[in-house]
Amino acid sequence: MLATPPVIRAQPAGRRPRIAYLSLFSAQTDPRLIEGFKRGLEENGLVDRRTVDVEYDWASGSPQKLAEMSAALVQSDTAVVVTEGPRTTKALLDAGFKKPIVLAVSSDPVGSGFVASLARPGGSITGLSMSNVELEGKRLELLKEAVPSLKHAFMLRDPSTSPQAVVTARATAQSLGVEMLLVETRDPAGFEAAFSDAVAKGADGVSVMTSPLFFSFRAQLIELAMRHRLPSIWEMSNIVRDGGLMSYGPDFTDMYRRSAGYVGRILKGTLPADMPVEQPIKFELVVNLRTAKELGLTIPESFLARADDVIE
């Protein structure tokens, strides 16, 4: 991929630059993320229908629809596309998109081949990245701290995600004196069997490892965790607001806000190749006390005092 010229110069005279936001999910997945993105646009002087035109393309979970939207963007006069997750970025590249792409969030842009390195992307893609390798172990530590009786941790993993996170989580479990029960599935039809199998082996808590698939089907996973009486920990805080017990991970709303800054700089002429990929700078611990009460748990006060948000 070659660095593109300043896109603002490519716009026809009198035309506002066009920005597209492309997502595999639906607009209802997490409205707070889009609110953060819109806030970031305004902070950079990018006001929809005044200084720029912003288009939101939602694939609603359909890979076919995502491919069709990607192909349409290739044929459009879009100046910059903001993508949500590696599958979305790959679909856009597979369609032949050559203009600048900003990653609102991507788990491993180097490993995915999107950029040459975080410090020097070297092509038409830049934005924000995050690594869950260390965070999976940290989440297990937090689950054990919140539920000291935890002995058998059920780790639900999407096998398409990084295997290194499993190594880290297993080492953490060993240091905590907790047996790790790893169950892998990439098929929502297998969720029920995964939980039943883990519980049959003595699981008394669940850490749902990071995966776009699990995020899409979080309602089903939350219901299974509650039905099997398993304290749960997740990556994203909105899953806790939907009924999960607790979460620890990047402040994704802030990451989406920051992605708009990349858009602003690109429209002013900065090349994506010259803009380092940045990491999260804010993390949040969120606990749902209503869920804890339903599970008959008492979360230690010292733990709650450290939480960024406690849902009561």
C-alpha atoms as a PDB file:
ATOM      1  CA  MET A   1       0.000   0.000   0.000  1.00  0.00           C
ATOM      2  CA  LEU A   2       1.357   3.405  -0.985  1.00  0.00           C
ATOM      3  CA  ALA A   3       0.940   6.623   0.919  1.00  0.00           C
ATOM      4  CA  THR A   4      -1.789   8.747  -0.611  1.00  0.00           C
ATOM      5  CA  PRO A   5      -1.555  12.467  -1.399  1.00  0.00           C
ATOM      6  CA  PRO A   6      -3.401  14.938   0.849  1.00  0.00           C
ATOM      7  CA  VAL A   7      -7.054  14.043   0.312  1.00  0.00           C
ATOM      8  CA  ILE A   8      -8.344  17.559   0.833  1.00  0.00           C
ATOM      9  CA  ARG A   9      -6.821  18.467  -2.537  1.00  0.00           C
ATOM     10  CA  ALA A  10      -8.688  15.651  -4.244  1.00  0.00           C
ATOM     11  CA  GLN A  11     -12.092  17.102  -3.442  1.00  0.00           C
ATOM     12  CA  PRO A  12     -13.899  18.878  -6.275  1.00  0.00           C
ATOM     13  CA  ALA A  13     -14.119  22.655  -5.886  1.00  0.00           C
ATOM     14  CA  GLY A  14     -16.967  23.635  -3.607  1.00  0.00           C
ATOM     15  CA  ARG A  15     -17.488  20.114  -2.317  1.00  0.00           C
ATOM     16  CA  ARG A  16     -17.205  19.194   1.337  1.00  0.00           C
ATOM     17  CA  PRO A  17     -14.843  16.301   2.120  1.00  0.00           C
ATOM     18  CA  ARG A  18     -16.756  13.072   2.585  1.00  0.00           C
ATOM     19  CA  ILE A  19     -15.992  10.812   5.559  1.00  0.00           C
ATOM     20  CA  ALA A  20     -17.362   7.281   5.918  1.00  0.00           C
ATOM     21  CA  TYR A  21     -17.647   5.245   9.099  1.00  0.00           C
ATOM     22  CA  LEU A  22     -17.785   1.513   8.307  1.00  0.00           C
ATOM     23  CA  SER A  23     -18.866  -1.104  10.850  1.00  0.00           C
ATOM     24  CA  LEU A  24     -19.702  -4.798  10.799  1.00  0.00           C
ATOM     25  CA  PHE A  25     -22.189  -4.170  13.582  1.00  0.00           C
ATOM     26  CA  SER A  26     -25.383  -2.120  13.894  1.00  0.00           C
ATOM     27  CA  ALA A  27     -25.992   1.433  15.069  1.00  0.00           C
ATOM     28  CA  GLN A  28     -27.493   0.034  18.277  1.00  0.00           C
ATOM     29  CA  THR A  29     -24.402  -1.999  19.221  1.00  0.00           C
ATOM     30  CA  ASP A  30     -22.942   0.769  21.389  1.00  0.00           C
ATOM     31  CA  PRO A  31     -24.213   4.307  20.686  1.00  0.00           C
ATOM     32  CA  ARG A  32     -21.669   5.725  23.138  1.00  0.00           C
ATOM     33  CA  LEU A  33     -18.848   4.883  20.739  1.00  0.00           C
ATOM     34  CA  ILE A  34     -20.428   6.912  17.952  1.00  0.00           C
ATOM     35  CA  GLU A  35     -21.126   9.745  20.383  1.00  0.00           C
ATOM     36  CA  GLY A  36     -17.408   9.758  21.200  1.00  0.00           C
ATOM     37  CA  PHE A  37     -16.508   9.793  17.497  1.00  0.00           C
ATOM     38  CA  LYS A  38     -18.903  12.669  16.782  1.00  0.00           C
ATOM     39  CA  ARG A  39     -17.511  14.606  19.729  1.00  0.00           C
ATOM     40  CA  GLY A  40     -14.017  14.100  18.349  1.00  0.00           C
ATOM     41  CA  LEU A  41     -15.087  15.357  14.930  1.00  0.00           C
ATOM     42  CA  GLU A  42     -16.491  18.539  16.444  1.00  0.00           C
ATOM     43  CA  GLU A  43     -13.333  19.049  18.507  1.00  0.00           C
ATOM     44  CA  ASN A  44     -11.428  19.052  15.223  1.00  0.00           C
ATOM     45  CA  GLY A  45     -13.788  21.451  13.473  1.00  0.00           C
ATOM     46  CA  LEU A  46     -15.449  18.714  11.436  1.00  0.00           C
ATOM     47  CA  VAL A  47     -19.170  19.448  11.587  1.00  0.00           C
ATOM     48  CA  ASP A  48     -21.448  17.147   9.621  1.00  0.00           C
ATOM     49  CA  ARG A  49     -23.228  18.895   6.740  1.00  0.00           C
ATOM     50  CA  ARG A  50     -21.283  22.096   7.378  1.00  0.00           C
ATOM     51  CA  THR A  51     -17.572  21.436   6.929  1.00  0.00           C
ATOM     52  CA  VAL A  52     -17.739  17.719   6.037  1.00  0.00           C
ATOM     53  CA  ASP A  53     -20.287  15.102   5.035  1.00  0.00           C
ATOM     54  CA  VAL A  54     -20.291  12.011   7.261  1.00  0.00           C
ATOM     55  CA  GLU A  55     -21.814   8.704   6.154  1.00  0.00           C
ATOM     56  CA  TYR A  56     -22.409   5.810   8.568  1.00  0.00           C
ATOM     57  CA  ASP A  57     -22.475   2.347   6.994  1.00  0.00           C
ATOM     58  CA  TRP A  58     -23.729  -0.493   9.208  1.00  0.00           C
ATOM     59  CA  ALA A  59     -23.455  -4.108   8.050  1.00  0.00           C
ATOM     60  CA  SER A  60     -25.636  -5.351  10.939  1.00  0.00           C
ATOM     61  CA  GLY A  61     -23.507  -8.483  11.374  1.00  0.00           C
ATOM     62  CA  SER A  62     -23.634  -9.532   7.716  1.00  0.00           C
ATOM     63  CA  PRO A  63     -20.245 -10.212   6.059  1.00  0.00           C
ATOM     64  CA  GLN A  64     -21.936 -10.059   2.659  1.00  0.00           C
ATOM     65  CA  LYS A  65     -23.387  -6.637   3.379  1.00  0.00           C
ATOM     66  CA  LEU A  66     -19.995  -5.494   4.659  1.00  0.00           C
ATOM     67  CA  ALA A  67     -18.381  -6.593   1.372  1.00  0.00           C
ATOM     68  CA  GLU A  68     -21.057  -4.767  -0.642  1.00  0.00           C
ATOM     69  CA  MET A  69     -20.616  -1.568   1.355  1.00  0.00           C
ATOM     70  CA  SER A  70     -16.847  -1.797   0.961  1.00  0.00           C
ATOM     71  CA  ALA A  71     -17.184  -2.154  -2.811  1.00  0.00           C
ATOM     72  CA  ALA A  72     -19.490   0.880  -2.913  1.00  0.00           C
ATOM     73  CA  LEU A  73     -16.944   2.956  -0.995  1.00  0.00           C
ATOM     74  CA  VAL A  74     -14.263   2.071  -3.558  1.00  0.00           C
ATOM     75  CA  GLN A  75     -16.444   3.631  -6.266  1.00  0.00           C
ATOM     76  CA  SER A  76     -17.353   6.696  -4.172  1.00  0.00           C
ATOM     77  CA  ASP A  77     -15.593  10.032  -3.696  1.00  0.00           C
ATOM     78  CA  THR A  78     -15.035   9.300  -0.001  1.00  0.00           C
ATOM     79  CA  ALA A  79     -11.881  10.999   1.304  1.00  0.00           C
ATOM     80  CA  VAL A  80     -11.329   8.942   4.473  1.00  0.00           C
ATOM     81  CA  VAL A  81     -12.936   5.802   5.908  1.00  0.00           C
ATOM     82  CA  VAL A  82     -12.955   5.095   9.648  1.00  0.00           C
ATOM     83  CA  THR A  83     -13.133   1.365  10.354  1.00  0.00           C
ATOM     84  CA  GLU A  84     -14.283  -0.563  13.411  1.00  0.00           C
ATOM     85  CA  GLY A  85     -12.237  -3.712  13.945  1.00  0.00           C
ATOM     86  CA  PRO A  86      -9.877  -5.746  11.732  1.00  0.00           C
ATOM     87  CA  ARG A  87     -12.600  -7.582   9.809  1.00  0.00           C
ATOM     88  CA  THR A  88     -13.989  -4.283   8.600  1.00  0.00           C
ATOM     89  CA  THR A  89     -10.564  -3.008   7.556  1.00  0.00           C
ATOM     90  CA  LYS A  90      -9.794  -6.255   5.720  1.00  0.00           C
ATOM     91  CA  ALA A  91     -13.118  -6.149   3.872  1.00  0.00           C
ATOM     92  CA  LEU A  92     -12.337  -2.622   2.693  1.00  0.00           C
ATOM     93  CA  LEU A  93      -8.859  -3.598   1.512  1.00  0.00           C
ATOM     94  CA  ASP A  94     -10.155  -6.746  -0.180  1.00  0.00           C
ATOM     95  CA  ALA A  95     -12.559  -4.533  -2.131  1.00  0.00           C
ATOM     96  CA  GLY A  96      -9.590  -2.517  -3.408  1.00  0.00           C
ATOM     97  CA  PHE A  97      -9.912   0.677  -1.349  1.00  0.00           C
ATOM     98  CA  LYS A  98      -6.748   2.782  -1.782  1.00  0.00           C
ATOM     99  CA  LYS A  99      -7.545   6.017   0.063  1.00  0.00           C
ATOM    100  CA  PRO A 100      -6.729   6.730   3.744  1.00  0.00           C
ATOM    101  CA  ILE A 101      -8.196   4.449   6.400  1.00  0.00           C
ATOM    102  CA  VAL A 102      -8.339   5.373  10.088  1.00  0.00           C
ATOM    103  CA  LEU A 103      -8.619   2.541  12.614  1.00  0.00           C
ATOM    104  CA  ALA A 104     -11.032   3.492  15.385  1.00  0.00           C
ATOM    105  CA  VAL A 105      -9.825   0.329  17.087  1.00  0.00           C
ATOM    106  CA  SER A 106      -7.817  -2.671  15.859  1.00  0.00           C
ATOM    107  CA  SER A 107      -6.368  -5.472  17.949  1.00  0.00           C
ATOM    108  CA  ASP A 108      -3.158  -6.129  15.988  1.00  0.00           C
ATOM    109  CA  PRO A 109      -2.697  -3.948  12.885  1.00  0.00           C
ATOM    110  CA  VAL A 110       0.916  -5.080  12.434  1.00  0.00           C
ATOM    111  CA  GLY A 111       0.084  -8.785  12.633  1.00  0.00           C
ATOM    112  CA  SER A 112      -2.905  -8.220  10.358  1.00  0.00           C
ATOM    113  CA  GLY A 113      -0.644  -6.633   7.763  1.00  0.00           C
ATOM    114  CA  PHE A 114      -2.388  -3.266   7.853  1.00  0.00           C
ATOM    115  CA  VAL A 115       0.704  -1.281   8.898  1.00  0.00           C
ATOM    116  CA  ALA A 116       4.438  -1.895   8.783  1.00  0.00           C
ATOM    117  CA  SER A 117       4.878  -0.876  12.424  1.00  0.00           C
ATOM    118  CA  LEU A 118       3.012   1.164  15.015  1.00  0.00           C
ATOM    119  CA  ALA A 119       5.641   3.920  14.958  1.00  0.00           C
ATOM    120  CA  ARG A 120       5.889   4.034  11.153  1.00  0.00           C
ATOM    121  CA  PRO A 121       2.707   2.736   9.502  1.00  0.00           C
ATOM    122  CA  GLY A 122       4.229   3.246   6.064  1.00  0.00           C
ATOM    123  CA  GLY A 123       1.042   3.171   3.985  1.00  0.00           C
ATOM    124  CA  SER A 124      -2.479   4.531   3.786  1.00  0.00           C
ATOM    125  CA  ILE A 125      -3.656   3.193   7.175  1.00  0.00           C
ATOM    126  CA  THR A 126      -3.210   4.574  10.688  1.00  0.00           C
ATOM    127  CA  GLY A 127      -5.284   5.081  13.828  1.00  0.00           C
ATOM    128  CA  LEU A 128      -5.578   3.318  17.165  1.00  0.00           C
ATOM    129  CA  SER A 129      -4.552  -0.156  18.269  1.00  0.00           C
ATOM    130  CA  MET A 130      -4.870  -2.232  21.384  1.00  0.00           C
ATOM    131  CA  SER A 131      -3.370  -5.474  22.659  1.00  0.00           C
ATOM    132  CA  ASN A 132      -5.388  -7.895  24.749  1.00  0.00           C
ATOM    133  CA  VAL A 133      -2.483 -10.231  25.479  1.00  0.00           C
ATOM    134  CA  GLU A 134      -1.736  -8.728  28.903  1.00  0.00           C
ATOM    135  CA  LEU A 135      -5.310  -7.636  29.573  1.00  0.00           C
ATOM    136  CA  GLU A 136      -6.700 -11.181  29.521  1.00  0.00           C
ATOM    137  CA  GLY A 137      -4.450 -12.032  32.466  1.00  0.00           C
ATOM    138  CA  LYS A 138      -5.339  -8.795  34.239  1.00  0.00           C
ATOM    139  CA  ARG A 139      -9.051  -9.542  33.899  1.00  0.00           C
ATOM    140  CA  LEU A 140      -8.532 -12.949  35.479  1.00  0.00           C
ATOM    141  CA  GLU A 141      -6.708 -11.299  38.403  1.00  0.00           C
ATOM    142  CA  LEU A 142      -9.599  -8.896  38.908  1.00  0.00           C
ATOM    143  CA  LEU A 143     -12.184 -11.669  38.796  1.00  0.00           C
ATOM    144  CA  LYS A 144     -10.262 -13.563  41.478  1.00  0.00           C
ATOM    145  CA  GLU A 145      -9.980 -10.401  43.585  1.00  0.00           C
ATOM    146  CA  ALA A 146     -13.696  -9.662  43.330  1.00  0.00           C
ATOM    147  CA  VAL A 147     -14.636 -13.309  43.917  1.00  0.00           C
ATOM    148  CA  PRO A 148     -11.955 -14.736  46.261  1.00  0.00           C
ATOM    149  CA  SER A 149     -13.632 -18.152  46.263  1.00  0.00           C
ATOM    150  CA  LEU A 150     -12.860 -18.592  42.536  1.00  0.00           C
ATOM    151  CA  LYS A 151     -11.126 -21.947  41.937  1.00  0.00           C
ATOM    152  CA  HIS A 152     -11.973 -22.965  38.366  1.00  0.00           C
ATOM    153  CA  ALA A 153     -11.986 -20.154  35.801  1.00  0.00           C
ATOM    154  CA  PHE A 154     -13.840 -20.852  32.567  1.00  0.00           C
ATOM    155  CA  MET A 155     -12.146 -18.970  29.710  1.00  0.00           C
ATOM    156  CA  LEU A 156     -14.322 -18.725  26.593  1.00  0.00           C
ATOM    157  CA  ARG A 157     -12.172 -18.110  23.515  1.00  0.00           C
ATOM    158  CA  ASP A 158     -12.817 -17.448  19.863  1.00  0.00           C
ATOM    159  CA  PRO A 159     -10.090 -19.542  18.128  1.00  0.00           C
ATOM    160  CA  SER A 160      -9.666 -16.879  15.433  1.00  0.00           C
ATOM    161  CA  THR A 161      -8.129 -14.498  17.989  1.00  0.00           C
ATOM    162  CA  SER A 162      -4.487 -14.313  19.120  1.00  0.00           C
ATOM    163  CA  PRO A 163      -3.270 -17.526  20.817  1.00  0.00           C
ATOM    164  CA  GLN A 164      -0.714 -15.541  22.840  1.00  0.00           C
ATOM    165  CA  ALA A 165      -3.500 -14.255  25.092  1.00  0.00           C
ATOM    166  CA  VAL A 166      -4.155 -17.857  26.169  1.00  0.00           C
ATOM    167  CA  VAL A 167      -0.522 -18.274  27.205  1.00  0.00           C
ATOM    168  CA  THR A 168      -0.700 -15.127  29.325  1.00  0.00           C
ATOM    169  CA  ALA A 169      -4.020 -16.079  30.908  1.00  0.00           C
ATOM    170  CA  ARG A 170      -2.787 -19.583  31.718  1.00  0.00           C
ATOM    171  CA  ALA A 171       0.332 -18.218  33.437  1.00  0.00           C
ATOM    172  CA  THR A 172      -1.815 -15.810  35.451  1.00  0.00           C
ATOM    173  CA  ALA A 173      -4.202 -18.569  36.481  1.00  0.00           C
ATOM    174  CA  GLN A 174      -1.300 -20.681  37.691  1.00  0.00           C
ATOM    175  CA  SER A 175       0.095 -17.792  39.758  1.00  0.00           C
ATOM    176  CA  LEU A 176      -3.329 -17.294  41.332  1.00  0.00           C
ATOM    177  CA  GLY A 177      -3.770 -20.966  42.158  1.00  0.00           C
ATOM    178  CA  VAL A 178      -6.777 -21.118  39.842  1.00  0.00           C
ATOM    179  CA  GLU A 179      -7.446 -23.917  37.364  1.00  0.00           C
ATOM    180  CA  MET A 180      -8.110 -22.547  33.895  1.00  0.00           C
ATOM    181  CA  LEU A 181     -10.792 -24.308  31.864  1.00  0.00           C
ATOM    182  CA  LEU A 182     -10.360 -23.220  28.240  1.00  0.00           C
ATOM    183  CA  VAL A 183     -13.285 -23.778  25.897  1.00  0.00           C
ATOM    184  CA  GLU A 184     -13.067 -22.587  22.290  1.00  0.00           C
ATOM    185  CA  THR A 185     -15.865 -21.920  19.827  1.00  0.00           C
ATOM    186  CA  ARG A 186     -16.467 -19.623  16.879  1.00  0.00           C
ATOM    187  CA  ASP A 187     -20.083 -20.718  16.399  1.00  0.00           C
ATOM    188  CA  PRO A 188     -22.871 -19.111  18.474  1.00  0.00           C
ATOM    189  CA  ALA A 189     -24.709 -22.426  18.221  1.00  0.00           C
ATOM    190  CA  GLY A 190     -21.950 -23.864  20.409  1.00  0.00           C
ATOM    191  CA  PHE A 191     -22.242 -21.358  23.268  1.00  0.00           C
ATOM    192  CA  GLU A 192     -24.755 -23.437  25.218  1.00  0.00           C
ATOM    193  CA  ALA A 193     -22.589 -26.550  25.044  1.00  0.00           C
ATOM    194  CA  ALA A 194     -19.475 -24.555  25.961  1.00  0.00           C
ATOM    195  CA  PHE A 195     -21.034 -23.278  29.181  1.00  0.00           C
ATOM    196  CA  SER A 196     -22.536 -26.652  30.059  1.00  0.00           C
ATOM    197  CA  ASP A 197     -19.193 -28.374  29.498  1.00  0.00           C
ATOM    198  CA  ALA A 198     -17.318 -25.852  31.641  1.00  0.00           C
ATOM    199  CA  VAL A 199     -19.825 -26.036  34.489  1.00  0.00           C
ATOM    200  CA  ALA A 200     -19.706 -29.840  34.392  1.00  0.00           C
ATOM    201  CA  LYS A 201     -15.945 -29.550  34.926  1.00  0.00           C
ATOM    202  CA  GLY A 202     -16.439 -27.341  37.981  1.00  0.00           C
ATOM    203  CA  ALA A 203     -16.300 -23.808  36.571  1.00  0.00           C
ATOM    204  CA  ASP A 204     -17.245 -21.200  39.179  1.00  0.00           C
ATOM    205  CA  GLY A 205     -16.486 -18.070  37.145  1.00  0.00           C
ATOM    206  CA  VAL A 206     -16.129 -17.044  33.497  1.00  0.00           C
ATOM    207  CA  SER A 207     -13.852 -14.671  31.632  1.00  0.00           C
ATOM    208  CA  VAL A 208     -15.175 -14.063  28.131  1.00  0.00           C
ATOM    209  CA  MET A 209     -12.068 -13.351  26.077  1.00  0.00           C
ATOM    210  CA  THR A 210     -11.997 -10.499  23.590  1.00  0.00           C
ATOM    211  CA  SER A 211     -13.706 -11.243  20.284  1.00  0.00           C
ATOM    212  CA  PRO A 212     -15.964  -9.302  17.887  1.00  0.00           C
ATOM    213  CA  LEU A 213     -18.075 -12.476  17.691  1.00  0.00           C
ATOM    214  CA  PHE A 214     -18.661 -12.560  21.451  1.00  0.00           C
ATOM    215  CA  PHE A 215     -19.402  -8.846  21.448  1.00  0.00           C
ATOM    216  CA  SER A 216     -22.072  -9.322  18.782  1.00  0.00           C
ATOM    217  CA  PHE A 217     -23.733 -12.133  20.759  1.00  0.00           C
ATOM    218  CA  ARG A 218     -23.188 -10.663  24.219  1.00  0.00           C
ATOM    219  CA  ALA A 219     -26.876 -10.844  25.169  1.00  0.00           C
ATOM    220  CA  GLN A 220     -26.851 -14.624  24.731  1.00  0.00           C
ATOM    221  CA  LEU A 221     -23.572 -14.960  26.625  1.00  0.00           C
ATOM    222  CA  ILE A 222     -24.763 -12.794  29.510  1.00  0.00           C
ATOM    223  CA  GLU A 223     -27.917 -14.907  29.787  1.00  0.00           C
ATOM    224  CA  LEU A 224     -25.860 -18.121  29.868  1.00  0.00           C
ATOM    225  CA  ALA A 225     -23.532 -16.754  32.553  1.00  0.00           C
ATOM    226  CA  MET A 226     -26.488 -15.778  34.714  1.00  0.00           C
ATOM    227  CA  ARG A 227     -28.369 -19.033  34.153  1.00  0.00           C
ATOM    228  CA  HIS A 228     -25.297 -21.024  35.211  1.00  0.00           C
ATOM    229  CA  ARG A 229     -24.672 -18.676  38.165  1.00  0.00           C
ATOM    230  CA  LEU A 230     -21.193 -17.760  36.944  1.00  0.00           C
ATOM    231  CA  PRO A 231     -19.579 -14.443  37.967  1.00  0.00           C
ATOM    232  CA  SER A 232     -18.329 -12.943  34.709  1.00  0.00           C
ATOM    233  CA  ILE A 233     -15.727 -10.484  33.497  1.00  0.00           C
ATOM    234  CA  TRP A 234     -15.634  -8.862  30.063  1.00  0.00           C
ATOM    235  CA  GLU A 235     -13.640  -6.423  28.009  1.00  0.00           C
ATOM    236  CA  MET A 236     -16.183  -3.654  27.371  1.00  0.00           C
ATOM    237  CA  SER A 237     -18.136  -1.689  29.947  1.00  0.00           C
ATOM    238  CA  ASN A 238     -21.330  -1.619  27.896  1.00  0.00           C
ATOM    239  CA  ILE A 239     -21.555  -5.400  28.367  1.00  0.00           C
ATOM    240  CA  VAL A 240     -21.677  -4.801  32.127  1.00  0.00           C
ATOM    241  CA  ARG A 241     -24.397  -2.213  31.622  1.00  0.00           C
ATOM    242  CA  ASP A 242     -26.284  -4.926  29.731  1.00  0.00           C
ATOM    243  CA  GLY A 243     -26.030  -7.285  32.722  1.00  0.00           C
ATOM    244  CA  GLY A 244     -22.500  -8.697  32.901  1.00  0.00           C
ATOM    245  CA  LEU A 245     -20.887  -8.617  36.353  1.00  0.00           C
ATOM    246  CA  MET A 246     -17.734  -6.606  35.662  1.00  0.00           C
ATOM    247  CA  SER A 247     -15.365  -5.415  32.955  1.00  0.00           C
ATOM    248  CA  TYR A 248     -11.868  -4.104  32.556  1.00  0.00           C
ATOM    249  CA  GLY A 249     -10.461  -2.672  29.367  1.00  0.00           C
ATOM    250  CA  PRO A 250      -9.702   0.437  27.360  1.00  0.00           C
ATOM    251  CA  ASP A 251     -12.068   3.383  27.411  1.00  0.00           C
ATOM    252  CA  PHE A 252     -13.331   2.707  23.894  1.00  0.00           C
ATOM    253  CA  THR A 253     -15.394   5.892  23.764  1.00  0.00           C
ATOM    254  CA  ASP A 254     -12.177   7.849  24.237  1.00  0.00           C
ATOM    255  CA  MET A 255     -10.445   5.828  21.518  1.00  0.00           C
ATOM    256  CA  TYR A 256     -13.227   6.601  19.056  1.00  0.00           C
ATOM    257  CA  ARG A 257     -13.023  10.282  19.999  1.00  0.00           C
ATOM    258  CA  ARG A 258      -9.287  10.250  19.322  1.00  0.00           C
ATOM    259  CA  SER A 259      -9.749   8.538  15.954  1.00  0.00           C
ATOM    260  CA  ALA A 260     -11.522  11.671  14.722  1.00  0.00           C
ATOM    261  CA  GLY A 261      -8.300  13.583  15.322  1.00  0.00           C
ATOM    262  CA  TYR A 262      -6.596  11.397  12.715  1.00  0.00           C
ATOM    263  CA  VAL A 263      -9.359  12.239  10.249  1.00  0.00           C
ATOM    264  CA  GLY A 264      -8.862  15.939  10.869  1.00  0.00           C
ATOM    265  CA  ARG A 265      -5.102  15.755  10.330  1.00  0.00           C
ATOM    266  CA  ILE A 266      -5.483  13.715   7.146  1.00  0.00           C
ATOM    267  CA  LEU A 267      -7.953  16.212   5.713  1.00  0.00           C
ATOM    268  CA  LYS A 268      -5.427  18.965   6.431  1.00  0.00           C
ATOM    269  CA  GLY A 269      -2.808  17.136   4.405  1.00  0.00           C
ATOM    270  CA  THR A 270      -0.881  14.873   6.789  1.00  0.00           C
ATOM    271  CA  LEU A 271      -0.079  11.490   5.260  1.00  0.00           C
ATOM    272  CA  PRO A 272      -1.267   8.376   7.172  1.00  0.00           C
ATOM    273  CA  ALA A 273       2.232   6.920   6.688  1.00  0.00           C
ATOM    274  CA  ASP A 274       3.607   9.727   8.865  1.00  0.00           C
ATOM    275  CA  MET A 275       1.096   9.315  11.707  1.00  0.00           C
ATOM    276  CA  PRO A 276       2.075   6.684  14.338  1.00  0.00           C
ATOM    277  CA  VAL A 277      -0.595   4.241  15.461  1.00  0.00           C
ATOM    278  CA  GLU A 278      -1.490   5.102  19.065  1.00  0.00           C
ATOM    279  CA  GLN A 279      -2.470   2.935  22.044  1.00  0.00           C
ATOM    280  CA  PRO A 280      -5.253   3.388  24.617  1.00  0.00           C
ATOM    281  CA  ILE A 281      -4.431   5.907  27.342  1.00  0.00           C
ATOM    282  CA  LYS A 282      -7.507   5.379  29.511  1.00  0.00           C
ATOM    283  CA  PHE A 283      -8.718   2.123  31.069  1.00  0.00           C
ATOM    284  CA  GLU A 284     -11.848   1.529  33.100  1.00  0.00           C
ATOM    285  CA  LEU A 285     -13.071  -0.966  35.682  1.00  0.00           C
ATOM    286  CA  VAL A 286     -16.863  -1.232  35.862  1.00  0.00           C
ATOM    287  CA  VAL A 287     -18.944  -3.338  38.267  1.00  0.00           C
ATOM    288  CA  ASN A 288     -22.672  -4.100  38.166  1.00  0.00           C
ATOM    289  CA  LEU A 289     -23.933  -4.501  41.751  1.00  0.00           C
ATOM    290  CA  ARG A 290     -27.403  -5.478  40.550  1.00  0.00           C
ATOM    291  CA  THR A 291     -25.878  -8.492  38.825  1.00  0.00           C
ATOM    292  CA  ALA A 292     -23.786  -9.264  41.917  1.00  0.00           C
ATOM    293  CA  LYS A 293     -26.948  -9.265  44.026  1.00  0.00           C
ATOM    294  CA  GLU A 294     -28.698 -11.642  41.611  1.00  0.00           C
ATOM    295  CA  LEU A 295     -25.722 -13.988  41.904  1.00  0.00           C
ATOM    296  CA  GLY A 296     -25.667 -13.713  45.693  1.00  0.00           C
ATOM    297  CA  LEU A 297     -22.197 -12.150  45.675  1.00  0.00           C
ATOM    298  CA  THR A 298     -20.736  -9.553  47.977  1.00  0.00           C
ATOM    299  CA  ILE A 299     -18.008  -7.620  46.189  1.00  0.00           C
ATOM    300  CA  PRO A 300     -15.296  -6.394  48.626  1.00  0.00           C
ATOM    301  CA  GLU A 301     -15.591  -2.677  49.428  1.00  0.00           C
ATOM    302  CA  SER A 302     -11.886  -2.210  48.707  1.00  0.00           C
ATOM    303  CA  PHE A 303     -12.503  -3.514  45.191  1.00  0.00           C
ATOM    304  CA  LEU A 304     -15.514  -1.274  44.598  1.00  0.00           C
ATOM    305  CA  ALA A 305     -13.526   1.753  45.759  1.00  0.00           C
ATOM    306  CA  ARG A 306     -11.166   1.225  42.809  1.00  0.00           C
ATOM    307  CA  ALA A 307     -13.909   0.938  40.218  1.00  0.00           C
ATOM    308  CA  ASP A 308     -14.394   3.757  37.730  1.00  0.00           C
ATOM    309  CA  ASP A 309     -18.127   3.091  37.632  1.00  0.00           C
ATOM    310  CA  VAL A 310     -20.414   1.071  39.912  1.00  0.00           C
ATOM    311  CA  ILE A 311     -23.891   0.289  38.556  1.00  0.00           C
ATOM    312  CA  GLU A 312     -26.434   0.073  41.385  1.00  0.00           C
END
